[in-house]
Full PDB file with SEQRES, HELIX, SHEET, SSBOND, CRYST1, ORIGX, SCALE, CONECT and MASTER records, all heavy atoms in Angstrom:
SEQRES   1 A   39  GLU THR PRO ARG TYR ILE ASP SER VAL LYS GLY ARG PHE          
SEQRES   2 A   39  THR ILE SER GLN ASP ASN ALA LYS ASN THR LEU TYR LEU          
SEQRES   3 A   39  GLN MET ASN SER LEU LYS PRO GLU ASP THR ALA ARG TYR          
HELIX    1 AA1 ASP A    7  VAL A    9  5                                   3    
HELIX    2 AA2 ASN A   19  LYS A   21  5                                   3    
HELIX    3 AA3 PRO A   33  ASP A   35  5                                   3    
SHEET    1 AA1 2 PHE A  13  ASP A  18  0                                        
SHEET    2 AA1 2 THR A  23  MET A  28 -1                                        
CRYST1    1.000    1.000    1.000  90.00  90.00  90.00 P 1           1          
ORIGX1      1.000000  0.000000  0.000000        0.00000                         
ORIGX2      0.000000  1.000000  0.000000        0.00000                         
ORIGX3      0.000000  0.000000  1.000000        0.00000                         
SCALE1      1.000000  0.000000  0.000000        0.00000                         
SCALE2      0.000000  1.000000  0.000000        0.00000                         
SCALE3      0.000000  0.000000  1.000000        0.00000                         
ATOM      1  N   GLU A   1     133.510-233.660-109.448  1.00  0.00           N  
ATOM      2  CA  GLU A   1     134.105-233.427-110.762  1.00  0.00           C  
ATOM      3  C   GLU A   1     133.399-232.322-111.538  1.00  0.00           C  
ATOM      4  O   GLU A   1     133.359-232.351-112.776  1.00  0.00           O  
ATOM      5  CB  GLU A   1     134.156-234.717-111.579  1.00  0.00           C  
ATOM      6  CG  GLU A   1     134.985-235.811-110.924  1.00  0.00           C  
ATOM      7  CD  GLU A   1     135.133-237.039-111.780  1.00  0.00           C  
ATOM      8  OE1 GLU A   1     134.736-237.013-112.960  1.00  0.00           O  
ATOM      9  OE2 GLU A   1     135.658-238.050-111.275  1.00  0.00           O  
ATOM     10  N   THR A   2     132.855-231.354-110.818  1.00  0.00           N  
ATOM     11  CA  THR A   2     132.240-230.196-111.453  1.00  0.00           C  
ATOM     12  C   THR A   2     133.287-229.100-111.609  1.00  0.00           C  
ATOM     13  O   THR A   2     133.780-228.575-110.611  1.00  0.00           O  
ATOM     14  CB  THR A   2     131.065-229.675-110.621  1.00  0.00           C  
ATOM     15  OG1 THR A   2     130.087-230.710-110.477  1.00  0.00           O  
ATOM     16  CG2 THR A   2     130.420-228.479-111.297  1.00  0.00           C  
ATOM     17  N   PRO A   3     133.646-228.741-112.845  1.00  0.00           N  
ATOM     18  CA  PRO A   3     134.693-227.741-113.050  1.00  0.00           C  
ATOM     19  C   PRO A   3     134.164-226.316-113.113  1.00  0.00           C  
ATOM     20  O   PRO A   3     133.001-226.084-113.448  1.00  0.00           O  
ATOM     21  CB  PRO A   3     135.288-228.152-114.396  1.00  0.00           C  
ATOM     22  CG  PRO A   3     134.108-228.684-115.150  1.00  0.00           C  
ATOM     23  CD  PRO A   3     133.229-229.361-114.120  1.00  0.00           C  
ATOM     24  N   ARG A   4     135.032-225.381-112.798  1.00  0.00           N  
ATOM     25  CA  ARG A   4     134.774-223.958-112.967  1.00  0.00           C  
ATOM     26  C   ARG A   4     135.954-223.334-113.692  1.00  0.00           C  
ATOM     27  O   ARG A   4     137.092-223.733-113.483  1.00  0.00           O  
ATOM     28  CB  ARG A   4     134.605-223.258-111.621  1.00  0.00           C  
ATOM     29  CG  ARG A   4     133.338-223.572-110.858  1.00  0.00           C  
ATOM     30  CD  ARG A   4     133.366-222.828-109.544  1.00  0.00           C  
ATOM     31  NE  ARG A   4     132.083-222.823-108.862  1.00  0.00           N  
ATOM     32  CZ  ARG A   4     131.845-222.169-107.745  1.00  0.00           C  
ATOM     33  NH1 ARG A   4     132.807-221.459-107.175  1.00  0.00           N  
ATOM     34  NH2 ARG A   4     130.656-222.219-107.189  1.00  0.00           N  
ATOM     35  N   TYR A   5     135.676-222.315-114.529  1.00  0.00           N  
ATOM     36  CA  TYR A   5     136.717-221.596-115.237  1.00  0.00           C  
ATOM     37  C   TYR A   5     136.399-220.112-115.244  1.00  0.00           C  
ATOM     38  O   TYR A   5     135.234-219.717-115.339  1.00  0.00           O  
ATOM     39  CB  TYR A   5     136.831-222.061-116.687  1.00  0.00           C  
ATOM     40  CG  TYR A   5     137.150-223.526-116.879  1.00  0.00           C  
ATOM     41  CD1 TYR A   5     136.136-224.462-117.042  1.00  0.00           C  
ATOM     42  CD2 TYR A   5     138.466-223.969-116.913  1.00  0.00           C  
ATOM     43  CE1 TYR A   5     136.425-225.806-117.221  1.00  0.00           C  
ATOM     44  CE2 TYR A   5     138.766-225.306-117.094  1.00  0.00           C  
ATOM     45  CZ  TYR A   5     137.740-226.223-117.248  1.00  0.00           C  
ATOM     46  OH  TYR A   5     138.031-227.556-117.434  1.00  0.00           O  
ATOM     47  N   ILE A   6     137.424-219.288-115.167  1.00  0.00           N  
ATOM     48  CA  ILE A   6     137.217-217.869-115.397  1.00  0.00           C  
ATOM     49  C   ILE A   6     137.005-217.667-116.895  1.00  0.00           C  
ATOM     50  O   ILE A   6     137.464-218.457-117.725  1.00  0.00           O  
ATOM     51  CB  ILE A   6     138.392-217.013-114.891  1.00  0.00           C  
ATOM     52  CG1 ILE A   6     139.721-217.455-115.515  1.00  0.00           C  
ATOM     53  CG2 ILE A   6     138.456-217.055-113.381  1.00  0.00           C  
ATOM     54  CD1 ILE A   6     140.877-216.540-115.183  1.00  0.00           C  
ATOM     55  N   ASP A   7     136.296-216.588-117.234  1.00  0.00           N  
ATOM     56  CA  ASP A   7     135.896-216.368-118.614  1.00  0.00           C  
ATOM     57  C   ASP A   7     137.073-216.323-119.584  1.00  0.00           C  
ATOM     58  O   ASP A   7     136.967-216.792-120.722  1.00  0.00           O  
ATOM     59  CB  ASP A   7     135.092-215.075-118.728  1.00  0.00           C  
ATOM     60  CG  ASP A   7     133.717-215.183-118.112  1.00  0.00           C  
ATOM     61  OD1 ASP A   7     133.238-216.315-117.910  1.00  0.00           O  
ATOM     62  OD2 ASP A   7     133.106-214.136-117.841  1.00  0.00           O  
ATOM     63  N   SER A   8     138.186-215.772-119.160  1.00  0.00           N  
ATOM     64  CA  SER A   8     139.312-215.566-120.059  1.00  0.00           C  
ATOM     65  C   SER A   8     139.980-216.859-120.529  1.00  0.00           C  
ATOM     66  O   SER A   8     140.720-216.845-121.506  1.00  0.00           O  
ATOM     67  CB  SER A   8     140.359-214.659-119.413  1.00  0.00           C  
ATOM     68  OG  SER A   8     140.882-215.240-118.236  1.00  0.00           O  
ATOM     69  N   VAL A   9     139.718-217.983-119.846  1.00  0.00           N  
ATOM     70  CA  VAL A   9     140.349-219.242-120.240  1.00  0.00           C  
ATOM     71  C   VAL A   9     139.359-220.287-120.732  1.00  0.00           C  
ATOM     72  O   VAL A   9     139.778-221.368-121.162  1.00  0.00           O  
ATOM     73  CB  VAL A   9     141.197-219.838-119.098  1.00  0.00           C  
ATOM     74  CG1 VAL A   9     142.183-218.812-118.568  1.00  0.00           C  
ATOM     75  CG2 VAL A   9     140.313-220.385-117.985  1.00  0.00           C  
ATOM     76  N   LYS A  10     138.080-219.980-120.711  1.00  0.00           N  
ATOM     77  CA  LYS A  10     137.077-220.937-121.169  1.00  0.00           C  
ATOM     78  C   LYS A  10     137.306-221.300-122.634  1.00  0.00           C  
ATOM     79  O   LYS A  10     137.526-220.438-123.472  1.00  0.00           O  
ATOM     80  CB  LYS A  10     135.670-220.364-120.996  1.00  0.00           C  
ATOM     81  CG  LYS A  10     135.191-220.329-119.558  1.00  0.00           C  
ATOM     82  CD  LYS A  10     133.771-219.793-119.462  1.00  0.00           C  
ATOM     83  CE  LYS A  10     133.283-219.791-118.023  1.00  0.00           C  
ATOM     84  NZ  LYS A  10     131.913-219.227-117.907  1.00  0.00           N  
ATOM     85  N   GLY A  11     137.256-222.588-122.905  1.00  0.00           N  
ATOM     86  CA  GLY A  11     137.490-223.066-124.258  1.00  0.00           C  
ATOM     87  C   GLY A  11     138.944-223.290-124.587  1.00  0.00           C  
ATOM     88  O   GLY A  11     139.253-223.892-125.629  1.00  0.00           O  
ATOM     89  N   ARG A  12     139.849-222.819-123.726  1.00  0.00           N  
ATOM     90  CA  ARG A  12     141.279-222.978-123.958  1.00  0.00           C  
ATOM     91  C   ARG A  12     141.950-223.869-122.910  1.00  0.00           C  
ATOM     92  O   ARG A  12     142.874-224.615-123.244  1.00  0.00           O  
ATOM     93  CB  ARG A  12     141.979-221.619-123.959  1.00  0.00           C  
ATOM     94  CG  ARG A  12     141.469-220.671-125.042  1.00  0.00           C  
ATOM     95  CD  ARG A  12     142.346-219.426-125.151  1.00  0.00           C  
ATOM     96  NE  ARG A  12     142.357-218.650-123.909  1.00  0.00           N  
ATOM     97  CZ  ARG A  12     143.454-218.391-123.199  1.00  0.00           C  
ATOM     98  NH1 ARG A  12     144.641-218.850-123.612  1.00  0.00           N  
ATOM     99  NH2 ARG A  12     143.380-217.659-122.100  1.00  0.00           N  
ATOM    100  N   PHE A  13     141.514-223.772-121.660  1.00  0.00           N  
ATOM    101  CA  PHE A  13     142.107-224.544-120.564  1.00  0.00           C  
ATOM    102  C   PHE A  13     141.158-225.646-120.117  1.00  0.00           C  
ATOM    103  O   PHE A  13     139.928-225.479-120.144  1.00  0.00           O  
ATOM    104  CB  PHE A  13     142.384-223.647-119.356  1.00  0.00           C  
ATOM    105  CG  PHE A  13     143.497-222.648-119.536  1.00  0.00           C  
ATOM    106  CD1 PHE A  13     144.062-222.397-120.778  1.00  0.00           C  
ATOM    107  CD2 PHE A  13     143.985-221.956-118.439  1.00  0.00           C  
ATOM    108  CE1 PHE A  13     145.082-221.475-120.939  1.00  0.00           C  
ATOM    109  CE2 PHE A  13     145.003-221.032-118.578  1.00  0.00           C  
ATOM    110  CZ  PHE A  13     145.551-220.790-119.830  1.00  0.00           C  
ATOM    111  N   THR A  14     141.714-226.766-119.670  1.00  0.00           N  
ATOM    112  CA  THR A  14     140.928-227.868-119.146  1.00  0.00           C  
ATOM    113  C   THR A  14     141.574-228.415-117.881  1.00  0.00           C  
ATOM    114  O   THR A  14     142.755-228.766-117.892  1.00  0.00           O  
ATOM    115  CB  THR A  14     140.791-229.008-120.168  1.00  0.00           C  
ATOM    116  OG1 THR A  14     140.206-228.515-121.372  1.00  0.00           O  
ATOM    117  CG2 THR A  14     139.901-230.117-119.608  1.00  0.00           C  
ATOM    118  N   ILE A  15     140.806-228.487-116.799  1.00  0.00           N  
ATOM    119  CA  ILE A  15     141.290-229.067-115.552  1.00  0.00           C  
ATOM    120  C   ILE A  15     140.809-230.511-115.462  1.00  0.00           C  
ATOM    121  O   ILE A  15     139.691-230.833-115.860  1.00  0.00           O  
ATOM    122  CB  ILE A  15     140.810-228.255-114.330  1.00  0.00           C  
ATOM    123  CG1 ILE A  15     141.463-228.765-113.044  1.00  0.00           C  
ATOM    124  CG2 ILE A  15     139.287-228.266-114.211  1.00  0.00           C  
ATOM    125  CD1 ILE A  15     141.198-227.882-111.825  1.00  0.00           C  
ATOM    126  N   SER A  16     141.655-231.385-114.948  1.00  0.00           N  
ATOM    127  CA  SER A  16     141.277-232.776-114.759  1.00  0.00           C  
ATOM    128  C   SER A  16     142.063-233.355-113.594  1.00  0.00           C  
ATOM    129  O   SER A  16     143.054-232.784-113.144  1.00  0.00           O  
ATOM    130  CB  SER A  16     141.509-233.605-116.028  1.00  0.00           C  
ATOM    131  OG  SER A  16     142.878-233.615-116.387  1.00  0.00           O  
ATOM    132  N   GLN A  17     141.621-234.518-113.099  1.00  0.00           N  
ATOM    133  CA  GLN A  17     142.257-235.127-111.944  1.00  0.00           C  
ATOM    134  C   GLN A  17     142.267-236.633-112.086  1.00  0.00           C  
ATOM    135  O   GLN A  17     141.285-237.237-112.531  1.00  0.00           O  
ATOM    136  CB  GLN A  17     141.513-234.721-110.665  1.00  0.00           C  
ATOM    137  CG  GLN A  17     142.148-235.195-109.373  1.00  0.00           C  
ATOM    138  CD  GLN A  17     141.434-234.636-108.151  1.00  0.00           C  
ATOM    139  OE1 GLN A  17     140.223-234.429-108.187  1.00  0.00           O  
ATOM    140  NE2 GLN A  17     142.180-234.386-107.090  1.00  0.00           N  
ATOM    141  N   ASP A  18     143.375-237.240-111.694  1.00  0.00           N  
ATOM    142  CA  ASP A  18     143.510-238.689-111.673  1.00  0.00           C  
ATOM    143  C   ASP A  18     143.901-239.075-110.252  1.00  0.00           C  
ATOM    144  O   ASP A  18     145.068-239.013-109.882  1.00  0.00           O  
ATOM    145  CB  ASP A  18     144.555-239.160-112.677  1.00  0.00           C  
ATOM    146  CG  ASP A  18     144.599-240.668-112.821  1.00  0.00           C  
ATOM    147  OD1 ASP A  18     144.116-241.378-111.918  1.00  0.00           O  
ATOM    148  OD2 ASP A  18     145.122-241.154-113.847  1.00  0.00           O  
ATOM    149  N   ASN A  19     142.925-239.475-109.453  1.00  0.00           N  
ATOM    150  CA  ASN A  19     143.185-239.806-108.059  1.00  0.00           C  
ATOM    151  C   ASN A  19     144.055-241.042-107.898  1.00  0.00           C  
ATOM    152  O   ASN A  19     144.782-241.168-106.910  1.00  0.00           O  
ATOM    153  CB  ASN A  19     141.871-239.992-107.299  1.00  0.00           C  
ATOM    154  CG  ASN A  19     141.239-238.691-106.876  1.00  0.00           C  
ATOM    155  OD1 ASN A  19     141.928-237.766-106.448  1.00  0.00           O  
ATOM    156  ND2 ASN A  19     139.915-238.606-106.969  1.00  0.00           N  
ATOM    157  N   ALA A  20     143.989-241.959-108.855  1.00  0.00           N  
ATOM    158  CA  ALA A  20     144.828-243.150-108.802  1.00  0.00           C  
ATOM    159  C   ALA A  20     146.303-242.792-108.896  1.00  0.00           C  
ATOM    160  O   ALA A  20     147.159-243.507-108.378  1.00  0.00           O  
ATOM    161  CB  ALA A  20     144.443-244.122-109.912  1.00  0.00           C  
ATOM    162  N   LYS A  21     146.615-241.687-109.572  1.00  0.00           N  
ATOM    163  CA  LYS A  21     147.987-241.223-109.717  1.00  0.00           C  
ATOM    164  C   LYS A  21     148.308-240.046-108.806  1.00  0.00           C  
ATOM    165  O   LYS A  21     149.407-239.499-108.866  1.00  0.00           O  
ATOM    166  CB  LYS A  21     148.259-240.825-111.170  1.00  0.00           C  
ATOM    167  CG  LYS A  21     148.135-241.968-112.160  1.00  0.00           C  
ATOM    168  CD  LYS A  21     148.428-241.500-113.575  1.00  0.00           C  
ATOM    169  CE  LYS A  21     148.327-242.649-114.563  1.00  0.00           C  
ATOM    170  NZ  LYS A  21     148.580-242.206-115.953  1.00  0.00           N  
ATOM    171  N   ASN A  22     147.351-239.651-107.984  1.00  0.00           N  
ATOM    172  CA  ASN A  22     147.520-238.495-107.089  1.00  0.00           C  
ATOM    173  C   ASN A  22     147.995-237.266-107.857  1.00  0.00           C  
ATOM    174  O   ASN A  22     148.927-236.568-107.441  1.00  0.00           O  
ATOM    175  CB  ASN A  22     148.499-238.815-105.961  1.00  0.00           C  
ATOM    176  CG  ASN A  22     147.933-239.791-104.954  1.00  0.00           C  
ATOM    177  OD1 ASN A  22     146.738-240.075-104.937  1.00  0.00           O  
ATOM    178  ND2 ASN A  22     148.800-240.315-104.104  1.00  0.00           N  
ATOM    179  N   THR A  23     147.340-236.991-108.988  1.00  0.00           N  
ATOM    180  CA  THR A  23     147.790-235.914-109.857  1.00  0.00           C  
ATOM    181  C   THR A  23     146.623-235.072-110.357  1.00  0.00           C  
ATOM    182  O   THR A  23     145.595-235.609-110.785  1.00  0.00           O  
ATOM    183  CB  THR A  23     148.570-236.462-111.058  1.00  0.00           C  
ATOM    184  OG1 THR A  23     149.662-237.268-110.591  1.00  0.00           O  
ATOM    185  CG2 THR A  23     149.125-235.332-111.902  1.00  0.00           C  
ATOM    186  N   LEU A  24     146.807-233.772-110.320  1.00  0.00           N  
ATOM    187  CA  LEU A  24     145.902-232.796-110.896  1.00  0.00           C  
ATOM    188  C   LEU A  24     146.569-232.225-112.144  1.00  0.00           C  
ATOM    189  O   LEU A  24     147.774-231.979-112.149  1.00  0.00           O  
ATOM    190  CB  LEU A  24     145.629-231.682-109.888  1.00  0.00           C  
ATOM    191  CG  LEU A  24     144.647-230.584-110.274  1.00  0.00           C  
ATOM    192  CD1 LEU A  24     143.214-231.114-110.220  1.00  0.00           C  
ATOM    193  CD2 LEU A  24     144.807-229.389-109.340  1.00  0.00           C  
ATOM    194  N   TYR A  25     145.802-231.998-113.201  1.00  0.00           N  
ATOM    195  CA  TYR A  25     146.347-231.512-114.466  1.00  0.00           C  
ATOM    196  C   TYR A  25     145.690-230.207-114.897  1.00  0.00           C  
ATOM    197  O   TYR A  25     144.532-229.932-114.574  1.00  0.00           O  
ATOM    198  CB  TYR A  25     146.131-232.534-115.584  1.00  0.00           C  
ATOM    199  CG  TYR A  25     146.753-233.883-115.343  1.00  0.00           C  
ATOM    200  CD1 TYR A  25     146.000-234.943-114.848  1.00  0.00           C  
ATOM    201  CD2 TYR A  25     148.096-234.106-115.620  1.00  0.00           C  
ATOM    202  CE1 TYR A  25     146.563-236.181-114.637  1.00  0.00           C  
ATOM    203  CE2 TYR A  25     148.670-235.346-115.407  1.00  0.00           C  
ATOM    204  CZ  TYR A  25     147.900-236.381-114.916  1.00  0.00           C  
ATOM    205  OH  TYR A  25     148.465-237.620-114.704  1.00  0.00           O  
ATOM    206  N   LEU A  26     146.441-229.438-115.666  1.00  0.00           N  
ATOM    207  CA  LEU A  26     145.900-228.271-116.348  1.00  0.00           C  
ATOM    208  C   LEU A  26     146.414-228.288-117.780  1.00  0.00           C  
ATOM    209  O   LEU A  26     147.599-228.048-118.016  1.00  0.00           O  
ATOM    210  CB  LEU A  26     146.294-226.964-115.656  1.00  0.00           C  
ATOM    211  CG  LEU A  26     145.752-225.694-116.311  1.00  0.00           C  
ATOM    212  CD1 LEU A  26     144.226-225.675-116.272  1.00  0.00           C  
ATOM    213  CD2 LEU A  26     146.311-224.443-115.634  1.00  0.00           C  
ATOM    214  N   GLN A  27     145.528-228.577-118.721  1.00  0.00           N  
ATOM    215  CA  GLN A  27     145.863-228.532-120.136  1.00  0.00           C  
ATOM    216  C   GLN A  27     145.567-227.130-120.649  1.00  0.00           C  
ATOM    217  O   GLN A  27     144.435-226.657-120.545  1.00  0.00           O  
ATOM    218  CB  GLN A  27     145.051-229.571-120.907  1.00  0.00           C  
ATOM    219  CG  GLN A  27     145.269-229.545-122.412  1.00  0.00           C  
ATOM    220  CD  GLN A  27     146.678-229.926-122.803  1.00  0.00           C  
ATOM    221  OE1 GLN A  27     147.207-230.917-122.318  1.00  0.00           O  
ATOM    222  NE2 GLN A  27     147.299-229.131-123.673  1.00  0.00           N  
ATOM    223  N   MET A  28     146.573-226.482-121.208  1.00  0.00           N  
ATOM    224  CA  MET A  28     146.449-225.115-121.690  1.00  0.00           C  
ATOM    225  C   MET A  28     146.728-225.076-123.184  1.00  0.00           C  
ATOM    226  O   MET A  28     147.824-225.423-123.623  1.00  0.00           O  
ATOM    227  CB  MET A  28     147.408-224.187-120.946  1.00  0.00           C  
ATOM    228  CG  MET A  28     147.238-224.207-119.434  1.00  0.00           C  
ATOM    229  SD  MET A  28     148.310-223.012-118.589  1.00  0.00           S  
ATOM    230  CE  MET A  28     149.917-223.746-118.935  1.00  0.00           C  
ATOM    231  N   ASN A  29     145.740-224.660-123.955  1.00  0.00           N  
ATOM    232  CA  ASN A  29     145.864-224.534-125.402  1.00  0.00           C  
ATOM    233  C   ASN A  29     145.669-223.084-125.819  1.00  0.00           C  
ATOM    234  O   ASN A  29     145.129-222.277-125.071  1.00  0.00           O  
ATOM    235  CB  ASN A  29     144.828-225.413-126.109  1.00  0.00           C  
ATOM    236  CG  ASN A  29     144.995-226.885-125.829  1.00  0.00           C  
ATOM    237  OD1 ASN A  29     146.111-227.379-125.699  1.00  0.00           O  
ATOM    238  ND2 ASN A  29     143.877-227.607-125.756  1.00  0.00           N  
ATOM    239  N   SER A  30     146.090-222.770-127.029  1.00  0.00           N  
ATOM    240  CA  SER A  30     145.931-221.419-127.583  1.00  0.00           C  
ATOM    241  C   SER A  30     146.419-220.357-126.608  1.00  0.00           C  
ATOM    242  O   SER A  30     145.738-219.359-126.350  1.00  0.00           O  
ATOM    243  CB  SER A  30     144.464-221.175-127.963  1.00  0.00           C  
ATOM    244  OG  SER A  30     144.012-222.127-128.906  1.00  0.00           O  
ATOM    245  N   LEU A  31     147.596-220.560-126.077  1.00  0.00           N  
ATOM    246  CA  LEU A  31     148.134-219.661-125.063  1.00  0.00           C  
ATOM    247  C   LEU A  31     148.370-218.264-125.611  1.00  0.00           C  
ATOM    248  O   LEU A  31     148.728-218.088-126.780  1.00  0.00           O  
ATOM    249  CB  LEU A  31     149.423-220.226-124.488  1.00  0.00           C  
ATOM    250  CG  LEU A  31     149.221-221.372-123.489  1.00  0.00           C  
ATOM    251  CD1 LEU A  31     150.503-222.159-123.296  1.00  0.00           C  
ATOM    252  CD2 LEU A  31     148.735-220.814-122.151  1.00  0.00           C  
ATOM    253  N   LYS A  32     148.161-217.278-124.747  1.00  0.00           N  
ATOM    254  CA  LYS A  32     148.313-215.873-125.071  1.00  0.00           C  
ATOM    255  C   LYS A  32     149.343-215.241-124.143  1.00  0.00           C  
ATOM    256  O   LYS A  32     149.559-215.727-123.033  1.00  0.00           O  
ATOM    257  CB  LYS A  32     146.974-215.145-124.907  1.00  0.00           C  
ATOM    258  CG  LYS A  32     145.828-215.736-125.711  1.00  0.00           C  
ATOM    259  CD  LYS A  32     144.525-215.024-125.384  1.00  0.00           C  
ATOM    260  CE  LYS A  32     143.369-215.611-126.171  1.00  0.00           C  
ATOM    261  NZ  LYS A  32     142.088-214.922-125.832  1.00  0.00           N  
ATOM    262  N   PRO A  33     149.972-214.138-124.562  1.00  0.00           N  
ATOM    263  CA  PRO A  33     150.931-213.468-123.675  1.00  0.00           C  
ATOM    264  C   PRO A  33     150.346-213.110-122.309  1.00  0.00           C  
ATOM    265  O   PRO A  33     151.073-213.153-121.309  1.00  0.00           O  
ATOM    266  CB  PRO A  33     151.309-212.216-124.471  1.00  0.00           C  
ATOM    267  CG  PRO A  33     151.163-212.632-125.885  1.00  0.00           C  
ATOM    268  CD  PRO A  33     149.954-213.535-125.899  1.00  0.00           C  
ATOM    269  N   GLU A  34     149.072-212.784-122.248  1.00  0.00           N  
ATOM    270  CA  GLU A  34     148.450-212.437-120.988  1.00  0.00           C  
ATOM    271  C   GLU A  34     148.287-213.627-120.046  1.00  0.00           C  
ATOM    272  O   GLU A  34     147.912-213.452-118.881  1.00  0.00           O  
ATOM    273  CB  GLU A  34     147.089-211.751-121.204  1.00  0.00           C  
ATOM    274  CG  GLU A  34     146.176-212.487-122.161  1.00  0.00           C  
ATOM    275  CD  GLU A  34     146.232-211.932-123.574  1.00  0.00           C  
ATOM    276  OE1 GLU A  34     147.352-211.705-124.076  1.00  0.00           O  
ATOM    277  OE2 GLU A  34     145.157-211.719-124.171  1.00  0.00           O  
ATOM    278  N   ASP A  35     148.562-214.840-120.521  1.00  0.00           N  
ATOM    279  CA  ASP A  35     148.572-216.015-119.662  1.00  0.00           C  
ATOM    280  C   ASP A  35     149.881-216.156-118.901  1.00  0.00           C  
ATOM    281  O   ASP A  35     149.998-217.030-118.031  1.00  0.00           O  
ATOM    282  CB  ASP A  35     148.334-217.287-120.479  1.00  0.00           C  
ATOM    283  CG  ASP A  35     146.954-217.339-121.109  1.00  0.00           C  
ATOM    284  OD1 ASP A  35     145.977-216.980-120.431  1.00  0.00           O  
ATOM    285  OD2 ASP A  35     146.861-217.754-122.290  1.00  0.00           O  
ATOM    286  N   THR A  36     150.865-215.338-119.222  1.00  0.00           N  
ATOM    287  CA  THR A  36     152.162-215.397-118.560  1.00  0.00           C  
ATOM    288  C   THR A  36     152.016-215.123-117.066  1.00  0.00           C  
ATOM    289  O   THR A  36     151.489-214.091-116.662  1.00  0.00           O  
ATOM    290  CB  THR A  36     153.129-214.388-119.184  1.00  0.00           C  
ATOM    291  OG1 THR A  36     153.383-214.755-120.541  1.00  0.00           O  
ATOM    292  CG2 THR A  36     154.448-214.357-118.427  1.00  0.00           C  
ATOM    293  N   ALA A  37     152.480-216.061-116.250  1.00  0.00           N  
ATOM    294  CA  ALA A  37     152.369-215.953-114.798  1.00  0.00           C  
ATOM    295  C   ALA A  37     153.012-217.179-114.164  1.00  0.00           C  
ATOM    296  O   ALA A  37     153.377-218.135-114.852  1.00  0.00           O  
ATOM    297  CB  ALA A  37     150.907-215.861-114.364  1.00  0.00           C  
ATOM    298  N   ARG A  38     153.146-217.142-112.848  1.00  0.00           N  
ATOM    299  CA  ARG A  38     153.521-218.332-112.111  1.00  0.00           C  
ATOM    300  C   ARG A  38     152.227-219.036-111.721  1.00  0.00           C  
ATOM    301  O   ARG A  38     151.321-218.412-111.167  1.00  0.00           O  
ATOM    302  CB  ARG A  38     154.340-217.989-110.871  1.00  0.00           C  
ATOM    303  CG  ARG A  38     154.966-219.204-110.200  1.00  0.00           C  
ATOM    304  CD  ARG A  38     156.037-218.815-109.196  1.00  0.00           C  
ATOM    305  NE  ARG A  38     156.693-219.975-108.634  1.00  0.00           N  
ATOM    306  CZ  ARG A  38     157.716-220.602-109.195  1.00  0.00           C  
ATOM    307  NH1 ARG A  38     158.228-220.158-110.346  1.00  0.00           N  
ATOM    308  NH2 ARG A  38     158.257-221.666-108.613  1.00  0.00           N  
ATOM    309  N   TYR A  39     152.141-220.315-112.012  1.00  0.00           N  
ATOM    310  CA  TYR A  39     150.926-221.082-111.787  1.00  0.00           C  
ATOM    311  C   TYR A  39     151.075-221.985-110.565  1.00  0.00           C  
ATOM    312  O   TYR A  39     152.082-222.678-110.409  1.00  0.00           O  
ATOM    313  CB  TYR A  39     150.589-221.928-113.013  1.00  0.00           C  
ATOM    314  CG  TYR A  39     149.971-221.134-114.136  1.00  0.00           C  
ATOM    315  CD1 TYR A  39     150.738-220.236-114.876  1.00  0.00           C  
ATOM    316  CD2 TYR A  39     148.620-221.268-114.448  1.00  0.00           C  
ATOM    317  CE1 TYR A  39     150.174-219.487-115.890  1.00  0.00           C  
ATOM    318  CE2 TYR A  39     148.049-220.526-115.471  1.00  0.00           C  
ATOM    319  CZ  TYR A  39     148.826-219.640-116.187  1.00  0.00           C  
ATOM    320  OH  TYR A  39     148.259-218.902-117.200  1.00  0.00           O  
TER     321      TYR A  39                                                      
MASTER        0    0    0    3    2    0    0    6  320    1    0    3          
END                                                                             
């Protein structure tokens, strides 16, 4: 559960995982136009 982030998203994005639900999450806040992409 050690996370890594690129500098441009630090403080805005959060990765988390719930193995009981077999789900990975990405919470994205304070989104910017430069975040536009296929994820």
